[in-house]
Amino acid sequence: MCSLQGTALAEGELGDPKVFWGLARPPTSYGAYAGGDEKNAKYAFEYPASWKVETVGKNEKGMQGIDCRVRNKIKGQSAYTVTFSRAGEDNKSFRLGDIDQTLQGFAGADYDLQDALVESTNKSSSRGERHGQSFYDYELAGPGIQYLATVTEKGGKVYAFFVKSPTKNFTTDEASLRSIVQSFKLV
């Protein structure tokens, strides 16, 4: 198993996973990046080997803040990272504790997330530490879509990692999906 150092996944949850090394590049950077630059990475996560890395387009990167996306095309599941900077405008930190306010800030990256926020049947949040970093974890059940998310902040930049699954596949794949979101870390 190609496990990230310090990540404790139950045996077999992701099979033989791949590691995505994310750069959290500025909005002007987009295109054919496959997540293999471990030396310059700002974050990393594990994903099943059967999932495919998708190229993030100019609008997704520049307007929606999406830094990377991997997808399980068979089941309509995906994982993606959104990064935003405060741009130093007021030296304040992000306020990540309110589930609705925090997730609303990322809804522009995924229109299904906006629908899930409005029509959710279940929302929960918790705060904890992983890999020496404080994380806010969120779960959201929307109409036909389930989200798992983890959000953290470092150096004036917020990192939000989402795992999205159709509800019909969520229960069957829940352990694997939770392993993906829990593997996310800053490096």
C-alpha atoms as a PDB file:
ATOM      1  CA  MET A   1       0.000   0.000   0.000  1.00  0.00           C
ATOM      2  CA  CYS A   2       1.318   3.413  -0.975  1.00  0.00           C
ATOM      3  CA  SER A   3       0.222   5.068   2.263  1.00  0.00           C
ATOM      4  CA  LEU A   4       0.924   8.656   3.188  1.00  0.00           C
ATOM      5  CA  GLN A   5       3.184   8.847   6.206  1.00  0.00           C
ATOM      6  CA  GLY A   6       1.060   9.133   9.337  1.00  0.00           C
ATOM      7  CA  THR A   7      -2.182   8.056   7.644  1.00  0.00           C
ATOM      8  CA  ALA A   8      -3.842   5.078   9.289  1.00  0.00           C
ATOM      9  CA  LEU A   9      -6.208   3.418   6.818  1.00  0.00           C
ATOM     10  CA  ALA A  10      -7.786   0.070   7.501  1.00  0.00           C
ATOM     11  CA  GLU A  11      -6.320  -2.663   5.344  1.00  0.00           C
ATOM     12  CA  GLY A  12      -7.958  -2.818   1.932  1.00  0.00           C
ATOM     13  CA  GLU A  13     -10.117   0.324   2.224  1.00  0.00           C
ATOM     14  CA  LEU A  14      -8.525   1.852  -0.843  1.00  0.00           C
ATOM     15  CA  GLY A  15      -6.956  -1.280  -2.253  1.00  0.00           C
ATOM     16  CA  ASP A  16      -3.632  -0.195  -3.737  1.00  0.00           C
ATOM     17  CA  PRO A  17      -4.131   3.598  -3.780  1.00  0.00           C
ATOM     18  CA  LYS A  18      -2.369   6.313  -5.696  1.00  0.00           C
ATOM     19  CA  VAL A  19      -1.198   9.539  -4.081  1.00  0.00           C
ATOM     20  CA  PHE A  20      -2.066  12.947  -5.515  1.00  0.00           C
ATOM     21  CA  TRP A  21       0.475  15.645  -4.649  1.00  0.00           C
ATOM     22  CA  GLY A  22      -1.247  19.023  -5.010  1.00  0.00           C
ATOM     23  CA  LEU A  23       0.540  22.284  -5.684  1.00  0.00           C
ATOM     24  CA  ALA A  24      -2.178  24.812  -4.687  1.00  0.00           C
ATOM     25  CA  ARG A  25      -1.069  26.961  -7.590  1.00  0.00           C
ATOM     26  CA  PRO A  26      -2.449  30.455  -8.274  1.00  0.00           C
ATOM     27  CA  PRO A  27      -5.579  30.899 -10.434  1.00  0.00           C
ATOM     28  CA  THR A  28      -3.511  31.697 -13.516  1.00  0.00           C
ATOM     29  CA  SER A  29      -2.122  28.145 -13.408  1.00  0.00           C
ATOM     30  CA  TYR A  30      -4.254  25.442 -14.922  1.00  0.00           C
ATOM     31  CA  GLY A  31      -4.024  22.585 -17.359  1.00  0.00           C
ATOM     32  CA  ALA A  32      -2.354  19.233 -17.644  1.00  0.00           C
ATOM     33  CA  TYR A  33      -1.055  18.595 -14.142  1.00  0.00           C
ATOM     34  CA  ALA A  34      -1.261  14.977 -12.984  1.00  0.00           C
ATOM     35  CA  GLY A  35      -0.401  15.374  -9.292  1.00  0.00           C
ATOM     36  CA  GLY A  36       3.015  13.774  -9.273  1.00  0.00           C
ATOM     37  CA  ASP A  37       5.218  16.620  -8.008  1.00  0.00           C
ATOM     38  CA  GLU A  38       5.904  15.448  -4.449  1.00  0.00           C
ATOM     39  CA  LYS A  39       8.879  17.789  -3.998  1.00  0.00           C
ATOM     40  CA  ASN A  40       6.821  20.995  -4.452  1.00  0.00           C
ATOM     41  CA  ALA A  41       3.508  19.734  -3.068  1.00  0.00           C
ATOM     42  CA  LYS A  42       1.441  21.757  -0.606  1.00  0.00           C
ATOM     43  CA  TYR A  43      -1.080  18.967   0.084  1.00  0.00           C
ATOM     44  CA  ALA A  44      -1.599  15.282  -0.638  1.00  0.00           C
ATOM     45  CA  PHE A  45      -4.311  12.636  -0.547  1.00  0.00           C
ATOM     46  CA  GLU A  46      -4.791   9.003  -1.483  1.00  0.00           C
ATOM     47  CA  TYR A  47      -7.359   7.809  -3.996  1.00  0.00           C
ATOM     48  CA  PRO A  48      -8.228   4.403  -5.506  1.00  0.00           C
ATOM     49  CA  ALA A  49      -6.061   3.315  -8.420  1.00  0.00           C
ATOM     50  CA  SER A  50      -9.184   2.862 -10.575  1.00  0.00           C
ATOM     51  CA  TRP A  51     -10.019   6.584 -10.308  1.00  0.00           C
ATOM     52  CA  LYS A  52      -8.642   8.977 -12.930  1.00  0.00           C
ATOM     53  CA  VAL A  53      -7.084  12.431 -12.576  1.00  0.00           C
ATOM     54  CA  GLU A  54      -9.003  15.054 -14.570  1.00  0.00           C
ATOM     55  CA  THR A  55      -7.500  18.183 -16.027  1.00  0.00           C
ATOM     56  CA  VAL A  56      -8.791  21.331 -14.315  1.00  0.00           C
ATOM     57  CA  GLY A  57      -9.785  23.971 -16.839  1.00  0.00           C
ATOM     58  CA  LYS A  58      -9.139  27.710 -16.838  1.00  0.00           C
ATOM     59  CA  ASN A  59     -12.596  28.686 -15.524  1.00  0.00           C
ATOM     60  CA  GLU A  60     -12.607  25.979 -12.854  1.00  0.00           C
ATOM     61  CA  LYS A  61      -9.217  27.089 -11.552  1.00  0.00           C
ATOM     62  CA  GLY A  62      -9.600  30.832 -11.946  1.00  0.00           C
ATOM     63  CA  MET A  63     -13.249  31.343 -11.023  1.00  0.00           C
ATOM     64  CA  GLN A  64     -14.098  28.334  -8.867  1.00  0.00           C
ATOM     65  CA  GLY A  65     -10.784  27.778  -7.080  1.00  0.00           C
ATOM     66  CA  ILE A  66     -10.579  24.085  -8.005  1.00  0.00           C
ATOM     67  CA  ASP A  67      -6.961  22.981  -7.790  1.00  0.00           C
ATOM     68  CA  CYS A  68      -7.406  19.307  -8.681  1.00  0.00           C
ATOM     69  CA  ARG A  69     -10.016  16.612  -9.266  1.00  0.00           C
ATOM     70  CA  VAL A  70      -9.993  12.820  -9.424  1.00  0.00           C
ATOM     71  CA  ARG A  71     -13.048  10.859 -10.527  1.00  0.00           C
ATOM     72  CA  ASN A  72     -14.517   7.369 -10.424  1.00  0.00           C
ATOM     73  CA  LYS A  73     -16.355   7.521 -13.741  1.00  0.00           C
ATOM     74  CA  ILE A  74     -18.173   4.232 -13.155  1.00  0.00           C
ATOM     75  CA  LYS A  75     -20.048   5.431 -10.078  1.00  0.00           C
ATOM     76  CA  GLY A  76     -20.087   9.211 -10.532  1.00  0.00           C
ATOM     77  CA  GLN A  77     -17.906   9.739  -7.464  1.00  0.00           C
ATOM     78  CA  SER A  78     -15.219  12.386  -7.292  1.00  0.00           C
ATOM     79  CA  ALA A  79     -12.766  14.097  -4.983  1.00  0.00           C
ATOM     80  CA  TYR A  80     -11.538  17.636  -5.498  1.00  0.00           C
ATOM     81  CA  THR A  81      -9.540  20.308  -3.731  1.00  0.00           C
ATOM     82  CA  VAL A  82     -10.468  23.984  -3.627  1.00  0.00           C
ATOM     83  CA  THR A  83      -7.869  26.518  -2.497  1.00  0.00           C
ATOM     84  CA  PHE A  84      -8.351  30.200  -1.728  1.00  0.00           C
ATOM     85  CA  SER A  85      -6.036  32.902  -0.406  1.00  0.00           C
ATOM     86  CA  ARG A  86      -7.052  35.879   1.674  1.00  0.00           C
ATOM     87  CA  ALA A  87      -4.642  37.896  -0.481  1.00  0.00           C
ATOM     88  CA  GLY A  88      -3.445  39.694   2.649  1.00  0.00           C
ATOM     89  CA  GLU A  89      -6.288  42.208   2.563  1.00  0.00           C
ATOM     90  CA  ASP A  90      -6.803  42.356   6.321  1.00  0.00           C
ATOM     91  CA  ASN A  91      -4.514  39.796   8.007  1.00  0.00           C
ATOM     92  CA  LYS A  92      -7.569  38.010   9.414  1.00  0.00           C
ATOM     93  CA  SER A  93      -7.943  34.259   9.364  1.00  0.00           C
ATOM     94  CA  PHE A  94     -10.770  32.280   7.877  1.00  0.00           C
ATOM     95  CA  ARG A  95     -13.662  31.318  10.165  1.00  0.00           C
ATOM     96  CA  LEU A  96     -14.264  27.681   9.439  1.00  0.00           C
ATOM     97  CA  GLY A  97     -16.522  26.564  12.305  1.00  0.00           C
ATOM     98  CA  ASP A  98     -19.964  27.407  10.862  1.00  0.00           C
ATOM     99  CA  ILE A  99     -20.993  24.615   8.480  1.00  0.00           C
ATOM    100  CA  ASP A 100     -23.414  26.655   6.353  1.00  0.00           C
ATOM    101  CA  GLN A 101     -21.173  29.715   6.067  1.00  0.00           C
ATOM    102  CA  THR A 102     -18.041  27.687   5.342  1.00  0.00           C
ATOM    103  CA  LEU A 103     -19.579  25.386   2.750  1.00  0.00           C
ATOM    104  CA  GLN A 104     -21.439  28.277   1.112  1.00  0.00           C
ATOM    105  CA  GLY A 105     -18.042  29.827   0.439  1.00  0.00           C
ATOM    106  CA  PHE A 106     -17.127  26.773  -1.658  1.00  0.00           C
ATOM    107  CA  ALA A 107     -20.485  26.276  -3.387  1.00  0.00           C
ATOM    108  CA  GLY A 108     -19.274  28.168  -6.463  1.00  0.00           C
ATOM    109  CA  ALA A 109     -16.928  25.256  -7.161  1.00  0.00           C
ATOM    110  CA  ASP A 110     -19.773  22.726  -7.422  1.00  0.00           C
ATOM    111  CA  TYR A 111     -23.399  23.528  -8.222  1.00  0.00           C
ATOM    112  CA  ASP A 112     -24.489  20.229  -6.613  1.00  0.00           C
ATOM    113  CA  LEU A 113     -23.014  21.500  -3.335  1.00  0.00           C
ATOM    114  CA  GLN A 114     -25.224  24.595  -3.539  1.00  0.00           C
ATOM    115  CA  ASP A 115     -28.310  22.379  -4.001  1.00  0.00           C
ATOM    116  CA  ALA A 116     -27.218  20.107  -1.166  1.00  0.00           C
ATOM    117  CA  LEU A 117     -26.849  23.086   1.184  1.00  0.00           C
ATOM    118  CA  VAL A 118     -30.343  24.355   0.373  1.00  0.00           C
ATOM    119  CA  GLU A 119     -32.093  20.970   0.396  1.00  0.00           C
ATOM    120  CA  SER A 120     -29.960  18.997   2.860  1.00  0.00           C
ATOM    121  CA  THR A 121     -31.540  16.308   4.978  1.00  0.00           C
ATOM    122  CA  ASN A 122     -28.542  15.932   7.252  1.00  0.00           C
ATOM    123  CA  LYS A 123     -25.560  18.161   8.106  1.00  0.00           C
ATOM    124  CA  SER A 124     -22.840  17.643  10.674  1.00  0.00           C
ATOM    125  CA  SER A 125     -19.475  19.109  11.520  1.00  0.00           C
ATOM    126  CA  SER A 126     -16.605  18.408  13.883  1.00  0.00           C
ATOM    127  CA  ARG A 127     -13.180  19.779  14.613  1.00  0.00           C
ATOM    128  CA  GLY A 128     -10.068  17.725  15.175  1.00  0.00           C
ATOM    129  CA  GLU A 129      -6.357  17.342  14.581  1.00  0.00           C
ATOM    130  CA  ARG A 130      -4.638  15.185  12.003  1.00  0.00           C
ATOM    131  CA  HIS A 131      -0.991  15.231  11.044  1.00  0.00           C
ATOM    132  CA  GLY A 132      -0.425  18.074  13.563  1.00  0.00           C
ATOM    133  CA  GLN A 133      -2.895  20.340  11.754  1.00  0.00           C
ATOM    134  CA  SER A 134      -6.355  21.519  12.845  1.00  0.00           C
ATOM    135  CA  PHE A 135      -9.147  20.370  10.497  1.00  0.00           C
ATOM    136  CA  TYR A 136     -12.877  20.968  10.297  1.00  0.00           C
ATOM    137  CA  ASP A 137     -14.742  17.952   8.969  1.00  0.00           C
ATOM    138  CA  TYR A 138     -18.191  18.247   7.406  1.00  0.00           C
ATOM    139  CA  GLU A 139     -20.820  15.797   6.213  1.00  0.00           C
ATOM    140  CA  LEU A 140     -23.742  16.844   4.081  1.00  0.00           C
ATOM    141  CA  ALA A 141     -26.563  14.771   2.620  1.00  0.00           C
ATOM    142  CA  GLY A 142     -28.357  16.484  -0.230  1.00  0.00           C
ATOM    143  CA  PRO A 143     -30.907  15.382  -2.785  1.00  0.00           C
ATOM    144  CA  GLY A 144     -29.253  12.324  -4.288  1.00  0.00           C
ATOM    145  CA  ILE A 145     -25.682  13.426  -3.379  1.00  0.00           C
ATOM    146  CA  GLN A 146     -23.574  12.880  -0.258  1.00  0.00           C
ATOM    147  CA  TYR A 147     -20.534  15.018   0.608  1.00  0.00           C
ATOM    148  CA  LEU A 148     -17.650  14.455   2.967  1.00  0.00           C
ATOM    149  CA  ALA A 149     -15.318  17.422   3.348  1.00  0.00           C
ATOM    150  CA  THR A 150     -12.327  18.490   5.357  1.00  0.00           C
ATOM    151  CA  VAL A 151     -11.120  22.083   5.544  1.00  0.00           C
ATOM    152  CA  THR A 152      -7.979  23.608   7.023  1.00  0.00           C
ATOM    153  CA  GLU A 153      -5.930  26.765   6.812  1.00  0.00           C
ATOM    154  CA  LYS A 154      -2.208  27.411   6.599  1.00  0.00           C
ATOM    155  CA  GLY A 155      -0.169  30.459   5.719  1.00  0.00           C
ATOM    156  CA  GLY A 156      -3.165  32.620   4.747  1.00  0.00           C
ATOM    157  CA  LYS A 157      -4.579  29.983   2.412  1.00  0.00           C
ATOM    158  CA  VAL A 158      -7.613  27.789   2.994  1.00  0.00           C
ATOM    159  CA  TYR A 159      -7.668  24.222   1.679  1.00  0.00           C
ATOM    160  CA  ALA A 160     -10.990  22.446   1.258  1.00  0.00           C
ATOM    161  CA  PHE A 161     -11.098  18.835   0.160  1.00  0.00           C
ATOM    162  CA  PHE A 162     -14.421  17.329  -0.936  1.00  0.00           C
ATOM    163  CA  VAL A 163     -15.449  13.755  -1.642  1.00  0.00           C
ATOM    164  CA  LYS A 164     -18.754  13.539  -3.498  1.00  0.00           C
ATOM    165  CA  SER A 165     -20.881  10.469  -4.175  1.00  0.00           C
ATOM    166  CA  PRO A 166     -24.363   9.701  -5.448  1.00  0.00           C
ATOM    167  CA  THR A 167     -26.434   8.580  -2.452  1.00  0.00           C
ATOM    168  CA  LYS A 168     -27.164   5.225  -4.106  1.00  0.00           C
ATOM    169  CA  ASN A 169     -23.425   4.357  -4.010  1.00  0.00           C
ATOM    170  CA  PHE A 170     -22.473   6.070  -0.759  1.00  0.00           C
ATOM    171  CA  THR A 171     -23.425   3.317   1.691  1.00  0.00           C
ATOM    172  CA  THR A 172     -21.665   0.598  -0.299  1.00  0.00           C
ATOM    173  CA  ASP A 173     -18.475   2.662  -0.715  1.00  0.00           C
ATOM    174  CA  GLU A 174     -18.605   4.613   2.557  1.00  0.00           C
ATOM    175  CA  ALA A 175     -15.440   3.133   4.125  1.00  0.00           C
ATOM    176  CA  SER A 176     -13.396   3.865   1.006  1.00  0.00           C
ATOM    177  CA  LEU A 177     -14.827   7.390   0.634  1.00  0.00           C
ATOM    178  CA  ARG A 178     -14.101   8.179   4.287  1.00  0.00           C
ATOM    179  CA  SER A 179     -10.549   6.870   3.839  1.00  0.00           C
ATOM    180  CA  ILE A 180     -10.018   9.228   0.914  1.00  0.00           C
ATOM    181  CA  VAL A 181     -11.141  12.304   2.835  1.00  0.00           C
ATOM    182  CA  GLN A 182      -9.202  11.292   5.982  1.00  0.00           C
ATOM    183  CA  SER A 183      -6.010  10.836   3.962  1.00  0.00           C
ATOM    184  CA  PHE A 184      -5.955  14.540   3.004  1.00  0.00           C
ATOM    185  CA  LYS A 185      -3.077  16.412   4.595  1.00  0.00           C
ATOM    186  CA  LEU A 186      -0.897  19.459   4.143  1.00  0.00           C
ATOM    187  CA  VAL A 187       2.761  18.766   3.459  1.00  0.00           C
END
